[in-house]
Amino acid sequence: ISSDNAKNTVYLQMNALKTEDTADYYCAAGQRLMAY
């Protein structure tokens, strides 16, 4: 995961993908520090 503040964008680079990675992926923003 990485972020680009200038573009107001966060990225998720996914390598070595597996079939179990199949899913709907959602982006979220929060006011907690390192929320899980």
Full PDB file with SEQRES, HELIX, SHEET, SSBOND, CRYST1, ORIGX, SCALE, CONECT and MASTER records, all heavy atoms in Angstrom:
SEQRES   1 A   36  ILE SER SER ASP ASN ALA LYS ASN THR VAL TYR LEU GLN          
SEQRES   2 A   36  MET ASN ALA LEU LYS THR GLU ASP THR ALA ASP TYR TYR          
SEQRES   3 A   36  CYS ALA ALA GLY GLN ARG LEU MET ALA TYR                      
HELIX    1 AA1 ASN A    5  LYS A    7  5                                   3    
HELIX    2 AA2 THR A   19  ASP A   21  5                                   3    
SHEET    1 AA1 2 SER A   2  ASP A   4  0                                        
SHEET    2 AA1 2 THR A   9  TYR A  11 -1                                        
CRYST1    1.000    1.000    1.000  90.00  90.00  90.00 P 1           1          
ORIGX1      1.000000  0.000000  0.000000        0.00000                         
ORIGX2      0.000000  1.000000  0.000000        0.00000                         
ORIGX3      0.000000  0.000000  1.000000        0.00000                         
SCALE1      1.000000  0.000000  0.000000        0.00000                         
SCALE2      0.000000  1.000000  0.000000        0.00000                         
SCALE3      0.000000  0.000000  1.000000        0.00000                         
ATOM      1  N   ILE A   1       0.848  -1.178   0.000  1.00  0.00           N  
ATOM      2  CA  ILE A   1       0.000   0.000   0.000  1.00  0.00           C  
ATOM      3  C   ILE A   1       0.889   1.235   0.000  1.00  0.00           C  
ATOM      4  O   ILE A   1       1.930   1.265   0.652  1.00  0.00           O  
ATOM      5  CB  ILE A   1      -0.964   0.002   1.210  1.00  0.00           C  
ATOM      6  CG1 ILE A   1      -1.959   1.162   1.106  1.00  0.00           C  
ATOM      7  CG2 ILE A   1      -0.206   0.049   2.525  1.00  0.00           C  
ATOM      8  CD1 ILE A   1      -3.069   1.104   2.151  1.00  0.00           C  
ATOM      9  N   SER A   2       0.494   2.236  -0.734  1.00  0.00           N  
ATOM     10  CA  SER A   2       1.243   3.478  -0.795  1.00  0.00           C  
ATOM     11  C   SER A   2       0.280   4.630  -1.008  1.00  0.00           C  
ATOM     12  O   SER A   2      -0.877   4.430  -1.385  1.00  0.00           O  
ATOM     13  CB  SER A   2       2.293   3.442  -1.909  1.00  0.00           C  
ATOM     14  OG  SER A   2       1.684   3.279  -3.174  1.00  0.00           O  
ATOM     15  N   SER A   3       0.758   5.829  -0.772  1.00  0.00           N  
ATOM     16  CA  SER A   3      -0.087   7.003  -0.927  1.00  0.00           C  
ATOM     17  C   SER A   3       0.654   8.104  -1.662  1.00  0.00           C  
ATOM     18  O   SER A   3       1.885   8.183  -1.627  1.00  0.00           O  
ATOM     19  CB  SER A   3      -0.571   7.513   0.431  1.00  0.00           C  
ATOM     20  OG  SER A   3       0.517   7.895   1.250  1.00  0.00           O  
ATOM     21  N   ASP A   4      -0.105   8.930  -2.316  1.00  0.00           N  
ATOM     22  CA  ASP A   4       0.426  10.087  -3.028  1.00  0.00           C  
ATOM     23  C   ASP A   4      -0.441  11.267  -2.611  1.00  0.00           C  
ATOM     24  O   ASP A   4      -1.540  11.455  -3.130  1.00  0.00           O  
ATOM     25  CB  ASP A   4       0.383   9.869  -4.535  1.00  0.00           C  
ATOM     26  CG  ASP A   4       1.051  10.991  -5.306  1.00  0.00           C  
ATOM     27  OD1 ASP A   4       1.137  12.115  -4.795  1.00  0.00           O  
ATOM     28  OD2 ASP A   4       1.494  10.734  -6.445  1.00  0.00           O  
ATOM     29  N   ASN A   5       0.061  12.042  -1.679  1.00  0.00           N  
ATOM     30  CA  ASN A   5      -0.733  13.139  -1.145  1.00  0.00           C  
ATOM     31  C   ASN A   5      -1.063  14.191  -2.200  1.00  0.00           C  
ATOM     32  O   ASN A   5      -2.147  14.774  -2.179  1.00  0.00           O  
ATOM     33  CB  ASN A   5      -0.003  13.795   0.025  1.00  0.00           C  
ATOM     34  CG  ASN A   5      -0.014  12.939   1.265  1.00  0.00           C  
ATOM     35  OD1 ASN A   5      -0.585  11.849   1.282  1.00  0.00           O  
ATOM     36  ND2 ASN A   5       0.623  13.432   2.321  1.00  0.00           N  
ATOM     37  N   ALA A   6      -0.129  14.430  -3.110  1.00  0.00           N  
ATOM     38  CA  ALA A   6      -0.351  15.429  -4.144  1.00  0.00           C  
ATOM     39  C   ALA A   6      -1.542  15.066  -5.022  1.00  0.00           C  
ATOM     40  O   ALA A   6      -2.263  15.944  -5.495  1.00  0.00           O  
ATOM     41  CB  ALA A   6       0.899  15.610  -4.989  1.00  0.00           C  
ATOM     42  N   LYS A   7      -1.745  13.777  -5.244  1.00  0.00           N  
ATOM     43  CA  LYS A   7      -2.856  13.298  -6.058  1.00  0.00           C  
ATOM     44  C   LYS A   7      -4.052  12.863  -5.229  1.00  0.00           C  
ATOM     45  O   LYS A   7      -5.066  12.439  -5.786  1.00  0.00           O  
ATOM     46  CB  LYS A   7      -2.398  12.141  -6.943  1.00  0.00           C  
ATOM     47  CG  LYS A   7      -1.327  12.514  -7.950  1.00  0.00           C  
ATOM     48  CD  LYS A   7      -0.942  11.319  -8.800  1.00  0.00           C  
ATOM     49  CE  LYS A   7       0.116  11.698  -9.819  1.00  0.00           C  
ATOM     50  NZ  LYS A   7       0.512  10.535 -10.655  1.00  0.00           N  
ATOM     51  N   ASN A   8      -3.914  12.947  -3.907  1.00  0.00           N  
ATOM     52  CA  ASN A   8      -4.981  12.529  -3.001  1.00  0.00           C  
ATOM     53  C   ASN A   8      -5.408  11.095  -3.289  1.00  0.00           C  
ATOM     54  O   ASN A   8      -6.605  10.774  -3.317  1.00  0.00           O  
ATOM     55  CB  ASN A   8      -6.179  13.465  -3.102  1.00  0.00           C  
ATOM     56  CG  ASN A   8      -6.584  14.028  -1.758  1.00  0.00           C  
ATOM     57  OD1 ASN A   8      -5.771  14.171  -0.854  1.00  0.00           O  
ATOM     58  ND2 ASN A   8      -7.860  14.343  -1.621  1.00  0.00           N  
ATOM     59  N   THR A   9      -4.421  10.246  -3.473  1.00  0.00           N  
ATOM     60  CA  THR A   9      -4.676   8.887  -3.923  1.00  0.00           C  
ATOM     61  C   THR A   9      -3.888   7.884  -3.096  1.00  0.00           C  
ATOM     62  O   THR A   9      -2.737   8.136  -2.726  1.00  0.00           O  
ATOM     63  CB  THR A   9      -4.313   8.724  -5.406  1.00  0.00           C  
ATOM     64  OG1 THR A   9      -5.112   9.627  -6.182  1.00  0.00           O  
ATOM     65  CG2 THR A   9      -4.560   7.309  -5.882  1.00  0.00           C  
ATOM     66  N   VAL A  10      -4.509   6.758  -2.826  1.00  0.00           N  
ATOM     67  CA  VAL A  10      -3.837   5.632  -2.202  1.00  0.00           C  
ATOM     68  C   VAL A  10      -3.882   4.463  -3.175  1.00  0.00           C  
ATOM     69  O   VAL A  10      -4.868   4.288  -3.900  1.00  0.00           O  
ATOM     70  CB  VAL A  10      -4.471   5.269  -0.842  1.00  0.00           C  
ATOM     71  CG1 VAL A  10      -5.916   4.814  -1.011  1.00  0.00           C  
ATOM     72  CG2 VAL A  10      -3.644   4.218  -0.133  1.00  0.00           C  
ATOM     73  N   TYR A  11      -2.814   3.684  -3.200  1.00  0.00           N  
ATOM     74  CA  TYR A  11      -2.690   2.577  -4.131  1.00  0.00           C  
ATOM     75  C   TYR A  11      -2.535   1.266  -3.380  1.00  0.00           C  
ATOM     76  O   TYR A  11      -2.048   1.221  -2.251  1.00  0.00           O  
ATOM     77  CB  TYR A  11      -1.475   2.754  -5.040  1.00  0.00           C  
ATOM     78  CG  TYR A  11      -1.448   4.052  -5.801  1.00  0.00           C  
ATOM     79  CD1 TYR A  11      -0.765   5.156  -5.322  1.00  0.00           C  
ATOM     80  CD2 TYR A  11      -2.116   4.173  -7.025  1.00  0.00           C  
ATOM     81  CE1 TYR A  11      -0.736   6.349  -6.022  1.00  0.00           C  
ATOM     82  CE2 TYR A  11      -2.093   5.354  -7.731  1.00  0.00           C  
ATOM     83  CZ  TYR A  11      -1.402   6.444  -7.230  1.00  0.00           C  
ATOM     84  OH  TYR A  11      -1.379   7.623  -7.933  1.00  0.00           O  
ATOM     85  N   LEU A  12      -2.940   0.213  -4.029  1.00  0.00           N  
ATOM     86  CA  LEU A  12      -2.668  -1.126  -3.542  1.00  0.00           C  
ATOM     87  C   LEU A  12      -2.047  -1.912  -4.682  1.00  0.00           C  
ATOM     88  O   LEU A  12      -2.737  -2.291  -5.625  1.00  0.00           O  
ATOM     89  CB  LEU A  12      -3.937  -1.818  -3.047  1.00  0.00           C  
ATOM     90  CG  LEU A  12      -3.721  -3.206  -2.435  1.00  0.00           C  
ATOM     91  CD1 LEU A  12      -2.932  -3.093  -1.129  1.00  0.00           C  
ATOM     92  CD2 LEU A  12      -5.055  -3.913  -2.191  1.00  0.00           C  
ATOM     93  N   GLN A  13      -0.743  -2.106  -4.600  1.00  0.00           N  
ATOM     94  CA  GLN A  13      -0.038  -2.901  -5.588  1.00  0.00           C  
ATOM     95  C   GLN A  13      -0.106  -4.359  -5.179  1.00  0.00           C  
ATOM     96  O   GLN A  13       0.345  -4.718  -4.086  1.00  0.00           O  
ATOM     97  CB  GLN A  13       1.421  -2.451  -5.698  1.00  0.00           C  
ATOM     98  CG  GLN A  13       2.249  -3.250  -6.690  1.00  0.00           C  
ATOM     99  CD  GLN A  13       1.801  -3.054  -8.115  1.00  0.00           C  
ATOM    100  OE1 GLN A  13       1.568  -1.931  -8.542  1.00  0.00           O  
ATOM    101  NE2 GLN A  13       1.675  -4.149  -8.853  1.00  0.00           N  
ATOM    102  N   MET A  14      -0.664  -5.187  -6.023  1.00  0.00           N  
ATOM    103  CA  MET A  14      -0.861  -6.596  -5.722  1.00  0.00           C  
ATOM    104  C   MET A  14      -0.024  -7.423  -6.680  1.00  0.00           C  
ATOM    105  O   MET A  14      -0.236  -7.387  -7.895  1.00  0.00           O  
ATOM    106  CB  MET A  14      -2.341  -6.971  -5.831  1.00  0.00           C  
ATOM    107  CG  MET A  14      -3.247  -6.118  -4.953  1.00  0.00           C  
ATOM    108  SD  MET A  14      -4.981  -6.660  -4.990  1.00  0.00           S  
ATOM    109  CE  MET A  14      -5.390  -6.265  -6.690  1.00  0.00           C  
ATOM    110  N   ASN A  15       0.922  -8.156  -6.135  1.00  0.00           N  
ATOM    111  CA  ASN A  15       1.789  -9.024  -6.914  1.00  0.00           C  
ATOM    112  C   ASN A  15       1.570 -10.473  -6.515  1.00  0.00           C  
ATOM    113  O   ASN A  15       1.027 -10.770  -5.454  1.00  0.00           O  
ATOM    114  CB  ASN A  15       3.254  -8.642  -6.709  1.00  0.00           C  
ATOM    115  CG  ASN A  15       3.573  -7.241  -7.162  1.00  0.00           C  
ATOM    116  OD1 ASN A  15       3.019  -6.751  -8.144  1.00  0.00           O  
ATOM    117  ND2 ASN A  15       4.483  -6.584  -6.450  1.00  0.00           N  
ATOM    118  N   ALA A  16       2.039 -11.367  -7.370  1.00  0.00           N  
ATOM    119  CA  ALA A  16       1.926 -12.804  -7.100  1.00  0.00           C  
ATOM    120  C   ALA A  16       0.506 -13.167  -6.679  1.00  0.00           C  
ATOM    121  O   ALA A  16       0.285 -13.857  -5.686  1.00  0.00           O  
ATOM    122  CB  ALA A  16       2.937 -13.225  -6.047  1.00  0.00           C  
ATOM    123  N   LEU A  17      -0.447 -12.713  -7.446  1.00  0.00           N  
ATOM    124  CA  LEU A  17      -1.846 -12.903  -7.096  1.00  0.00           C  
ATOM    125  C   LEU A  17      -2.226 -14.377  -7.077  1.00  0.00           C  
ATOM    126  O   LEU A  17      -1.763 -15.166  -7.899  1.00  0.00           O  
ATOM    127  CB  LEU A  17      -2.734 -12.141  -8.063  1.00  0.00           C  
ATOM    128  CG  LEU A  17      -2.792 -10.629  -7.818  1.00  0.00           C  
ATOM    129  CD1 LEU A  17      -3.337  -9.909  -9.038  1.00  0.00           C  
ATOM    130  CD2 LEU A  17      -3.646 -10.334  -6.596  1.00  0.00           C  
ATOM    131  N   LYS A  18      -3.080 -14.713  -6.137  1.00  0.00           N  
ATOM    132  CA  LYS A  18      -3.584 -16.056  -5.967  1.00  0.00           C  
ATOM    133  C   LYS A  18      -5.092 -16.058  -6.179  1.00  0.00           C  
ATOM    134  O   LYS A  18      -5.751 -15.027  -6.048  1.00  0.00           O  
ATOM    135  CB  LYS A  18      -3.262 -16.575  -4.560  1.00  0.00           C  
ATOM    136  CG  LYS A  18      -1.794 -16.538  -4.194  1.00  0.00           C  
ATOM    137  CD  LYS A  18      -1.598 -16.961  -2.753  1.00  0.00           C  
ATOM    138  CE  LYS A  18      -0.142 -16.910  -2.360  1.00  0.00           C  
ATOM    139  NZ  LYS A  18       0.056 -17.310  -0.942  1.00  0.00           N  
ATOM    140  N   THR A  19      -5.627 -17.220  -6.475  1.00  0.00           N  
ATOM    141  CA  THR A  19      -7.069 -17.308  -6.690  1.00  0.00           C  
ATOM    142  C   THR A  19      -7.844 -16.876  -5.451  1.00  0.00           C  
ATOM    143  O   THR A  19      -8.944 -16.323  -5.570  1.00  0.00           O  
ATOM    144  CB  THR A  19      -7.484 -18.723  -7.094  1.00  0.00           C  
ATOM    145  OG1 THR A  19      -7.033 -19.664  -6.114  1.00  0.00           O  
ATOM    146  CG2 THR A  19      -6.888 -19.091  -8.445  1.00  0.00           C  
ATOM    147  N   GLU A  20      -7.288 -17.106  -4.271  1.00  0.00           N  
ATOM    148  CA  GLU A  20      -7.965 -16.710  -3.048  1.00  0.00           C  
ATOM    149  C   GLU A  20      -7.996 -15.201  -2.829  1.00  0.00           C  
ATOM    150  O   GLU A  20      -8.639 -14.721  -1.899  1.00  0.00           O  
ATOM    151  CB  GLU A  20      -7.353 -17.398  -1.821  1.00  0.00           C  
ATOM    152  CG  GLU A  20      -5.853 -17.205  -1.699  1.00  0.00           C  
ATOM    153  CD  GLU A  20      -5.071 -18.397  -2.197  1.00  0.00           C  
ATOM    154  OE1 GLU A  20      -5.392 -18.908  -3.286  1.00  0.00           O  
ATOM    155  OE2 GLU A  20      -4.129 -18.821  -1.491  1.00  0.00           O  
ATOM    156  N   ASP A  21      -7.293 -14.450  -3.675  1.00  0.00           N  
ATOM    157  CA  ASP A  21      -7.366 -12.999  -3.619  1.00  0.00           C  
ATOM    158  C   ASP A  21      -8.612 -12.461  -4.314  1.00  0.00           C  
ATOM    159  O   ASP A  21      -8.888 -11.256  -4.240  1.00  0.00           O  
ATOM    160  CB  ASP A  21      -6.123 -12.369  -4.252  1.00  0.00           C  
ATOM    161  CG  ASP A  21      -4.852 -12.689  -3.485  1.00  0.00           C  
ATOM    162  OD1 ASP A  21      -4.883 -12.680  -2.237  1.00  0.00           O  
ATOM    163  OD2 ASP A  21      -3.824 -12.944  -4.138  1.00  0.00           O  
ATOM    164  N   THR A  22      -9.324 -13.312  -4.992  1.00  0.00           N  
ATOM    165  CA  THR A  22     -10.534 -12.901  -5.689  1.00  0.00           C  
ATOM    166  C   THR A  22     -11.554 -12.350  -4.701  1.00  0.00           C  
ATOM    167  O   THR A  22     -11.916 -13.013  -3.729  1.00  0.00           O  
ATOM    168  CB  THR A  22     -11.135 -14.074  -6.461  1.00  0.00           C  
ATOM    169  OG1 THR A  22     -10.229 -14.483  -7.486  1.00  0.00           O  
ATOM    170  CG2 THR A  22     -12.459 -13.679  -7.110  1.00  0.00           C  
ATOM    171  N   ALA A  23     -11.999 -11.131  -4.942  1.00  0.00           N  
ATOM    172  CA  ALA A  23     -12.938 -10.476  -4.040  1.00  0.00           C  
ATOM    173  C   ALA A  23     -13.281  -9.101  -4.585  1.00  0.00           C  
ATOM    174  O   ALA A  23     -12.662  -8.621  -5.540  1.00  0.00           O  
ATOM    175  CB  ALA A  23     -12.354 -10.341  -2.632  1.00  0.00           C  
ATOM    176  N   ASP A  24     -14.257  -8.482  -3.966  1.00  0.00           N  
ATOM    177  CA  ASP A  24     -14.499  -7.070  -4.172  1.00  0.00           C  
ATOM    178  C   ASP A  24     -13.607  -6.303  -3.198  1.00  0.00           C  
ATOM    179  O   ASP A  24     -13.605  -6.590  -2.002  1.00  0.00           O  
ATOM    180  CB  ASP A  24     -15.962  -6.712  -3.925  1.00  0.00           C  
ATOM    181  CG  ASP A  24     -16.883  -7.266  -4.995  1.00  0.00           C  
ATOM    182  OD1 ASP A  24     -16.427  -7.454  -6.129  1.00  0.00           O  
ATOM    183  OD2 ASP A  24     -18.069  -7.508  -4.687  1.00  0.00           O  
ATOM    184  N   TYR A  25     -12.874  -5.345  -3.705  1.00  0.00           N  
ATOM    185  CA  TYR A  25     -11.939  -4.581  -2.886  1.00  0.00           C  
ATOM    186  C   TYR A  25     -12.488  -3.183  -2.633  1.00  0.00           C  
ATOM    187  O   TYR A  25     -12.924  -2.502  -3.560  1.00  0.00           O  
ATOM    188  CB  TYR A  25     -10.573  -4.496  -3.569  1.00  0.00           C  
ATOM    189  CG  TYR A  25      -9.780  -5.773  -3.447  1.00  0.00           C  
ATOM    190  CD1 TYR A  25     -10.144  -6.910  -4.152  1.00  0.00           C  
ATOM    191  CD2 TYR A  25      -8.668  -5.844  -2.606  1.00  0.00           C  
ATOM    192  CE1 TYR A  25      -9.434  -8.089  -4.026  1.00  0.00           C  
ATOM    193  CE2 TYR A  25      -7.951  -7.015  -2.479  1.00  0.00           C  
ATOM    194  CZ  TYR A  25      -8.334  -8.132  -3.193  1.00  0.00           C  
ATOM    195  OH  TYR A  25      -7.615  -9.304  -3.063  1.00  0.00           O  
ATOM    196  N   TYR A  26     -12.434  -2.776  -1.377  1.00  0.00           N  
ATOM    197  CA  TYR A  26     -12.983  -1.499  -0.951  1.00  0.00           C  
ATOM    198  C   TYR A  26     -11.909  -0.631  -0.321  1.00  0.00           C  
ATOM    199  O   TYR A  26     -11.095  -1.104   0.471  1.00  0.00           O  
ATOM    200  CB  TYR A  26     -14.107  -1.707   0.072  1.00  0.00           C  
ATOM    201  CG  TYR A  26     -15.285  -2.478  -0.462  1.00  0.00           C  
ATOM    202  CD1 TYR A  26     -15.320  -3.865  -0.406  1.00  0.00           C  
ATOM    203  CD2 TYR A  26     -16.372  -1.817  -1.027  1.00  0.00           C  
ATOM    204  CE1 TYR A  26     -16.396  -4.579  -0.897  1.00  0.00           C  
ATOM    205  CE2 TYR A  26     -17.455  -2.521  -1.520  1.00  0.00           C  
ATOM    206  CZ  TYR A  26     -17.463  -3.898  -1.449  1.00  0.00           C  
ATOM    207  OH  TYR A  26     -18.539  -4.603  -1.932  1.00  0.00           O  
ATOM    208  N   CYS A  27     -11.938   0.620  -0.662  1.00  0.00           N  
ATOM    209  CA  CYS A  27     -11.071   1.617  -0.060  1.00  0.00           C  
ATOM    210  C   CYS A  27     -11.835   2.306   1.064  1.00  0.00           C  
ATOM    211  O   CYS A  27     -13.048   2.526   0.964  1.00  0.00           O  
ATOM    212  CB  CYS A  27     -10.643   2.633  -1.111  1.00  0.00           C  
ATOM    213  SG  CYS A  27      -9.650   4.002  -0.497  1.00  0.00           S  
ATOM    214  N   ALA A  28     -11.131   2.630   2.141  1.00  0.00           N  
ATOM    215  CA  ALA A  28     -11.765   3.271   3.278  1.00  0.00           C  
ATOM    216  C   ALA A  28     -10.845   4.323   3.873  1.00  0.00           C  
ATOM    217  O   ALA A  28      -9.622   4.228   3.784  1.00  0.00           O  
ATOM    218  CB  ALA A  28     -12.124   2.230   4.343  1.00  0.00           C  
ATOM    219  N   ALA A  29     -11.448   5.325   4.485  1.00  0.00           N  
ATOM    220  CA  ALA A  29     -10.718   6.387   5.160  1.00  0.00           C  
ATOM    221  C   ALA A  29     -11.262   6.556   6.563  1.00  0.00           C  
ATOM    222  O   ALA A  29     -12.469   6.486   6.780  1.00  0.00           O  
ATOM    223  CB  ALA A  29     -10.830   7.699   4.393  1.00  0.00           C  
ATOM    224  N   GLY A  30     -10.364   6.782   7.512  1.00  0.00           N  
ATOM    225  CA  GLY A  30     -10.779   6.950   8.887  1.00  0.00           C  
ATOM    226  C   GLY A  30      -9.904   7.915   9.643  1.00  0.00           C  
ATOM    227  O   GLY A  30      -8.847   8.340   9.153  1.00  0.00           O  
ATOM    228  N   GLN A  31     -10.337   8.249  10.830  1.00  0.00           N  
ATOM    229  CA  GLN A  31      -9.607   9.169  11.677  1.00  0.00           C  
ATOM    230  C   GLN A  31      -8.830   8.460  12.771  1.00  0.00           C  
ATOM    231  O   GLN A  31      -8.230   9.109  13.610  1.00  0.00           O  
ATOM    232  CB  GLN A  31     -10.563  10.200  12.281  1.00  0.00           C  
ATOM    233  CG  GLN A  31     -11.170  11.126  11.242  1.00  0.00           C  
ATOM    234  CD  GLN A  31     -12.061  12.178  11.842  1.00  0.00           C  
ATOM    235  OE1 GLN A  31     -13.078  11.853  12.470  1.00  0.00           O  
ATOM    236  NE2 GLN A  31     -11.697  13.430  11.669  1.00  0.00           N  
ATOM    237  N   ARG A  32      -8.835   7.144  12.752  1.00  0.00           N  
ATOM    238  CA  ARG A  32      -8.014   6.368  13.671  1.00  0.00           C  
ATOM    239  C   ARG A  32      -6.609   6.228  13.113  1.00  0.00           C  
ATOM    240  O   ARG A  32      -6.399   6.329  11.901  1.00  0.00           O  
ATOM    241  CB  ARG A  32      -8.615   4.987  13.909  1.00  0.00           C  
ATOM    242  CG  ARG A  32     -10.018   5.001  14.476  1.00  0.00           C  
ATOM    243  CD  ARG A  32     -10.021   5.509  15.900  1.00  0.00           C  
ATOM    244  NE  ARG A  32     -11.339   5.377  16.504  1.00  0.00           N  
ATOM    245  CZ  ARG A  32     -11.732   4.355  17.242  1.00  0.00           C  
ATOM    246  NH1 ARG A  32     -10.881   3.357  17.498  1.00  0.00           N  
ATOM    247  NH2 ARG A  32     -12.952   4.315  17.738  1.00  0.00           N  
ATOM    248  N   LEU A  33      -5.667   5.992  13.987  1.00  0.00           N  
ATOM    249  CA  LEU A  33      -4.300   5.747  13.578  1.00  0.00           C  
ATOM    250  C   LEU A  33      -4.110   4.257  13.366  1.00  0.00           C  
ATOM    251  O   LEU A  33      -4.254   3.472  14.297  1.00  0.00           O  
ATOM    252  CB  LEU A  33      -3.323   6.269  14.629  1.00  0.00           C  
ATOM    253  CG  LEU A  33      -3.343   7.779  14.861  1.00  0.00           C  
ATOM    254  CD1 LEU A  33      -2.355   8.155  15.950  1.00  0.00           C  
ATOM    255  CD2 LEU A  33      -3.023   8.530  13.583  1.00  0.00           C  
ATOM    256  N   MET A  34      -3.808   3.873  12.128  1.00  0.00           N  
ATOM    257  CA  MET A  34      -3.567   2.485  11.761  1.00  0.00           C  
ATOM    258  C   MET A  34      -4.728   1.591  12.207  1.00  0.00           C  
ATOM    259  O   MET A  34      -4.570   0.649  12.963  1.00  0.00           O  
ATOM    260  CB  MET A  34      -2.253   1.989  12.340  1.00  0.00           C  
ATOM    261  CG  MET A  34      -1.046   2.784  11.868  1.00  0.00           C  
ATOM    262  SD  MET A  34      -0.951   2.906  10.053  1.00  0.00           S  
ATOM    263  CE  MET A  34      -0.733   1.186   9.607  1.00  0.00           C  
ATOM    264  N   ALA A  35      -5.894   1.915  11.720  1.00  0.00           N  
ATOM    265  CA  ALA A  35      -7.088   1.150  12.046  1.00  0.00           C  
ATOM    266  C   ALA A  35      -7.133  -0.138  11.247  1.00  0.00           C  
ATOM    267  O   ALA A  35      -6.750  -0.181  10.071  1.00  0.00           O  
ATOM    268  CB  ALA A  35      -8.336   1.986  11.767  1.00  0.00           C  
ATOM    269  N   TYR A  36      -7.640  -1.212  11.877  1.00  0.00           N  
ATOM    270  CA  TYR A  36      -7.704  -2.518  11.248  1.00  0.00           C  
ATOM    271  C   TYR A  36      -9.123  -3.050  11.107  1.00  0.00           C  
ATOM    272  O   TYR A  36      -9.360  -3.955  10.308  1.00  0.00           O  
ATOM    273  CB  TYR A  36      -6.878  -3.522  12.055  1.00  0.00           C  
ATOM    274  CG  TYR A  36      -5.482  -3.039  12.370  1.00  0.00           C  
ATOM    275  CD1 TYR A  36      -5.125  -2.700  13.670  1.00  0.00           C  
ATOM    276  CD2 TYR A  36      -4.529  -2.920  11.369  1.00  0.00           C  
ATOM    277  CE1 TYR A  36      -3.851  -2.247  13.960  1.00  0.00           C  
ATOM    278  CE2 TYR A  36      -3.252  -2.468  11.653  1.00  0.00           C  
ATOM    279  CZ  TYR A  36      -2.915  -2.137  12.952  1.00  0.00           C  
ATOM    280  OH  TYR A  36      -1.651  -1.692  13.246  1.00  0.00           O  
TER     281      TYR A  36                                                      
MASTER        0    0    0    2    2    0    0    6  280    1    0    3          
END                                                                             
